[in-house]
Amino acid sequence: MMASDTCQGAENLALFYSLYKTAQMHGIEFESYMQRCITVMSDHLNEIEFAKDSKGTITGYKSHSISEEILENLMPWNMVKA
């Protein structure tokens, strides 16, 4: 079963589309926006506690200690237009 075939997958996809449309509305090129988000989140990977299944596969996250300031700076309305 694909993740998009589940309620959680549908919720995740809705969040992704929401980010896409919000970035678009603020004149941000979405691919560049996602690259920036992934880069910043990679820099703070040690601050994220992941949920894993019995095989050790990451299935989500439990919590994080990334500062609110860092996360706020990643919001599309706070990013410099590409």
N, C-alpha and C. Protein backbone atom coordinates (compact mmCIF):
# COMPACT_ATOMS: atom_id res chain seq x y z
N MET A 1 0.84 -1.18 0.00
CA MET A 1 0.00 0.00 0.00
C MET A 1 0.89 1.25 0.00
N MET A 2 0.56 2.18 -0.85
CA MET A 2 1.33 3.42 -0.92
C MET A 2 0.87 4.38 0.17
N ALA A 3 1.79 5.24 0.62
CA ALA A 3 1.46 6.20 1.67
C ALA A 3 0.30 7.11 1.27
N SER A 4 0.17 7.40 -0.03
CA SER A 4 -0.91 8.27 -0.48
C SER A 4 -2.27 7.58 -0.41
N ASP A 5 -2.26 6.26 -0.20
CA ASP A 5 -3.51 5.51 -0.09
C ASP A 5 -4.03 5.46 1.34
N THR A 6 -3.38 6.16 2.26
CA THR A 6 -3.78 6.15 3.66
C THR A 6 -4.25 7.54 4.07
N CYS A 7 -4.96 7.61 5.18
CA CYS A 7 -5.38 8.91 5.71
C CYS A 7 -4.17 9.78 6.03
N GLN A 8 -3.13 9.17 6.62
CA GLN A 8 -1.92 9.93 6.95
C GLN A 8 -1.25 10.44 5.68
N GLY A 9 -1.23 9.60 4.65
CA GLY A 9 -0.65 10.02 3.38
C GLY A 9 -1.42 11.19 2.77
N ALA A 10 -2.74 11.14 2.88
CA ALA A 10 -3.57 12.23 2.36
C ALA A 10 -3.31 13.52 3.13
N GLU A 11 -3.17 13.42 4.45
CA GLU A 11 -2.88 14.59 5.27
C GLU A 11 -1.51 15.18 4.91
N ASN A 12 -0.52 14.30 4.74
CA ASN A 12 0.82 14.76 4.36
C ASN A 12 0.81 15.46 3.00
N LEU A 13 0.07 14.90 2.06
CA LEU A 13 -0.02 15.49 0.73
C LEU A 13 -0.72 16.85 0.79
N ALA A 14 -1.75 16.97 1.61
CA ALA A 14 -2.44 18.25 1.77
C ALA A 14 -1.50 19.31 2.33
N LEU A 15 -0.67 18.93 3.29
CA LEU A 15 0.32 19.87 3.84
C LEU A 15 1.33 20.29 2.78
N PHE A 16 1.77 19.33 1.98
CA PHE A 16 2.73 19.62 0.91
C PHE A 16 2.12 20.59 -0.11
N TYR A 17 0.88 20.33 -0.54
CA TYR A 17 0.21 21.22 -1.49
C TYR A 17 0.02 22.61 -0.89
N SER A 18 -0.29 22.67 0.39
CA SER A 18 -0.46 23.95 1.06
C SER A 18 0.83 24.76 1.03
N LEU A 19 1.96 24.09 1.32
CA LEU A 19 3.26 24.77 1.23
C LEU A 19 3.53 25.25 -0.19
N TYR A 20 3.22 24.40 -1.16
CA TYR A 20 3.44 24.74 -2.57
C TYR A 20 2.66 26.00 -2.94
N LYS A 21 1.39 26.02 -2.61
CA LYS A 21 0.54 27.16 -2.98
C LYS A 21 0.93 28.42 -2.22
N THR A 22 1.32 28.26 -0.95
CA THR A 22 1.74 29.42 -0.16
C THR A 22 3.02 30.02 -0.73
N ALA A 23 3.97 29.17 -1.08
CA ALA A 23 5.21 29.65 -1.70
C ALA A 23 4.89 30.36 -3.02
N GLN A 24 4.04 29.76 -3.81
CA GLN A 24 3.65 30.34 -5.09
C GLN A 24 2.99 31.71 -4.88
N MET A 25 2.12 31.80 -3.90
CA MET A 25 1.42 33.05 -3.60
C MET A 25 2.39 34.17 -3.20
N HIS A 26 3.51 33.80 -2.58
CA HIS A 26 4.49 34.78 -2.14
C HIS A 26 5.63 34.97 -3.15
N GLY A 27 5.45 34.41 -4.35
CA GLY A 27 6.43 34.61 -5.42
C GLY A 27 7.73 33.84 -5.22
N ILE A 28 7.68 32.75 -4.46
CA ILE A 28 8.86 31.94 -4.19
C ILE A 28 8.86 30.74 -5.12
N GLU A 29 9.98 30.49 -5.80
CA GLU A 29 10.11 29.32 -6.67
C GLU A 29 10.18 28.09 -5.77
N PHE A 30 9.24 27.16 -5.94
CA PHE A 30 9.04 26.07 -4.99
C PHE A 30 10.23 25.13 -4.88
N GLU A 31 10.88 24.80 -5.99
CA GLU A 31 12.02 23.89 -5.93
C GLU A 31 13.15 24.49 -5.09
N SER A 32 13.42 25.76 -5.29
CA SER A 32 14.45 26.44 -4.49
C SER A 32 14.04 26.50 -3.02
N TYR A 33 12.76 26.74 -2.79
CA TYR A 33 12.24 26.78 -1.42
C TYR A 33 12.47 25.44 -0.72
N MET A 34 12.12 24.35 -1.39
CA MET A 34 12.29 23.02 -0.79
C MET A 34 13.77 22.70 -0.57
N GLN A 35 14.62 23.08 -1.52
CA GLN A 35 16.06 22.86 -1.34
C GLN A 35 16.57 23.59 -0.10
N ARG A 36 16.12 24.81 0.09
CA ARG A 36 16.52 25.59 1.27
C ARG A 36 16.03 24.92 2.55
N CYS A 37 14.77 24.49 2.56
CA CYS A 37 14.22 23.82 3.75
C CYS A 37 14.99 22.54 4.07
N ILE A 38 15.27 21.74 3.06
CA ILE A 38 15.99 20.48 3.27
C ILE A 38 17.40 20.75 3.78
N THR A 39 18.06 21.77 3.23
CA THR A 39 19.40 22.12 3.69
C THR A 39 19.40 22.53 5.15
N VAL A 40 18.48 23.41 5.52
CA VAL A 40 18.41 23.87 6.91
C VAL A 40 18.05 22.72 7.85
N MET A 41 17.08 21.90 7.47
CA MET A 41 16.68 20.78 8.32
C MET A 41 17.82 19.77 8.45
N SER A 42 18.60 19.59 7.38
CA SER A 42 19.76 18.69 7.45
C SER A 42 20.79 19.20 8.44
N ASP A 43 20.94 20.51 8.50
CA ASP A 43 21.88 21.12 9.45
C ASP A 43 21.45 20.88 10.90
N HIS A 44 20.17 20.60 11.11
CA HIS A 44 19.62 20.42 12.46
C HIS A 44 19.09 19.01 12.68
N LEU A 45 19.59 18.07 11.89
CA LEU A 45 19.12 16.69 11.96
C LEU A 45 19.27 16.08 13.36
N ASN A 46 20.32 16.45 14.05
CA ASN A 46 20.55 15.90 15.39
C ASN A 46 19.54 16.42 16.42
N GLU A 47 18.72 17.40 16.04
CA GLU A 47 17.72 17.96 16.94
C GLU A 47 16.33 17.36 16.70
N ILE A 48 16.26 16.35 15.85
CA ILE A 48 14.98 15.71 15.52
C ILE A 48 15.00 14.28 16.03
N GLU A 49 13.95 13.90 16.77
CA GLU A 49 13.81 12.51 17.22
C GLU A 49 12.80 11.83 16.29
N PHE A 50 13.26 10.83 15.56
CA PHE A 50 12.43 10.16 14.57
C PHE A 50 11.69 8.96 15.15
N ALA A 51 10.49 8.73 14.62
CA ALA A 51 9.74 7.51 14.93
C ALA A 51 10.20 6.45 13.93
N LYS A 52 10.44 5.24 14.43
CA LYS A 52 10.91 4.15 13.56
C LYS A 52 10.08 2.90 13.81
N ASP A 53 9.97 2.07 12.77
CA ASP A 53 9.28 0.80 12.93
C ASP A 53 10.26 -0.24 13.47
N SER A 54 9.81 -1.48 13.60
CA SER A 54 10.64 -2.54 14.19
C SER A 54 11.90 -2.84 13.37
N LYS A 55 11.89 -2.47 12.08
CA LYS A 55 13.05 -2.70 11.22
C LYS A 55 14.02 -1.51 11.23
N GLY A 56 13.65 -0.44 11.94
CA GLY A 56 14.49 0.75 11.99
C GLY A 56 14.21 1.76 10.90
N THR A 57 13.17 1.52 10.11
CA THR A 57 12.80 2.44 9.04
C THR A 57 12.10 3.66 9.64
N ILE A 58 12.53 4.84 9.25
CA ILE A 58 11.91 6.07 9.76
C ILE A 58 10.49 6.17 9.21
N THR A 59 9.54 6.35 10.11
CA THR A 59 8.13 6.43 9.73
C THR A 59 7.52 7.80 10.03
N GLY A 60 8.29 8.67 10.61
CA GLY A 60 7.81 10.00 10.97
C GLY A 60 8.76 10.60 11.98
N TYR A 61 8.28 11.57 12.71
CA TYR A 61 9.12 12.11 13.77
C TYR A 61 8.31 12.21 15.06
N LYS A 62 9.00 12.08 16.17
CA LYS A 62 8.36 12.15 17.48
C LYS A 62 8.37 13.58 18.01
N SER A 63 9.53 14.20 17.94
CA SER A 63 9.66 15.55 18.47
C SER A 63 10.91 16.20 17.88
N HIS A 64 11.05 17.48 18.14
CA HIS A 64 12.26 18.19 17.71
C HIS A 64 12.57 19.30 18.70
N SER A 65 13.81 19.75 18.66
CA SER A 65 14.21 20.87 19.51
C SER A 65 14.78 22.01 18.66
N ILE A 66 14.34 22.07 17.41
CA ILE A 66 14.77 23.15 16.52
C ILE A 66 14.09 24.44 16.98
N SER A 67 14.85 25.50 17.06
CA SER A 67 14.30 26.75 17.60
C SER A 67 13.16 27.28 16.73
N GLU A 68 12.25 27.96 17.40
CA GLU A 68 11.11 28.55 16.71
C GLU A 68 11.58 29.58 15.68
N GLU A 69 12.66 30.27 15.98
CA GLU A 69 13.20 31.28 15.06
C GLU A 69 13.65 30.64 13.75
N ILE A 70 14.32 29.51 13.83
CA ILE A 70 14.78 28.81 12.62
C ILE A 70 13.58 28.36 11.79
N LEU A 71 12.60 27.76 12.45
CA LEU A 71 11.41 27.30 11.74
C LEU A 71 10.63 28.46 11.14
N GLU A 72 10.50 29.54 11.87
CA GLU A 72 9.78 30.72 11.38
C GLU A 72 10.47 31.29 10.14
N ASN A 73 11.79 31.27 10.13
CA ASN A 73 12.54 31.77 8.97
C ASN A 73 12.34 30.90 7.73
N LEU A 74 11.88 29.67 7.91
CA LEU A 74 11.63 28.77 6.77
C LEU A 74 10.23 28.92 6.18
N MET A 75 9.38 29.70 6.81
CA MET A 75 8.04 29.89 6.27
C MET A 75 8.14 30.68 4.96
N PRO A 76 7.33 30.32 3.97
CA PRO A 76 7.44 30.97 2.66
C PRO A 76 7.34 32.49 2.72
N TRP A 77 6.52 33.02 3.60
CA TRP A 77 6.34 34.47 3.67
C TRP A 77 7.56 35.18 4.28
N ASN A 78 8.49 34.42 4.85
CA ASN A 78 9.71 35.00 5.41
C ASN A 78 10.95 34.77 4.55
N MET A 79 10.78 34.13 3.42
CA MET A 79 11.92 33.82 2.55
C MET A 79 12.08 34.94 1.51
N VAL A 80 13.31 35.17 1.12
CA VAL A 80 13.60 36.15 0.07
C VAL A 80 13.19 35.55 -1.26
N LYS A 81 12.55 36.34 -2.09
CA LYS A 81 12.11 35.84 -3.40
C LYS A 81 13.30 35.42 -4.24
N ALA A 82 13.13 34.26 -4.94
CA ALA A 82 14.21 33.72 -5.78
C ALA A 82 14.32 34.48 -7.08
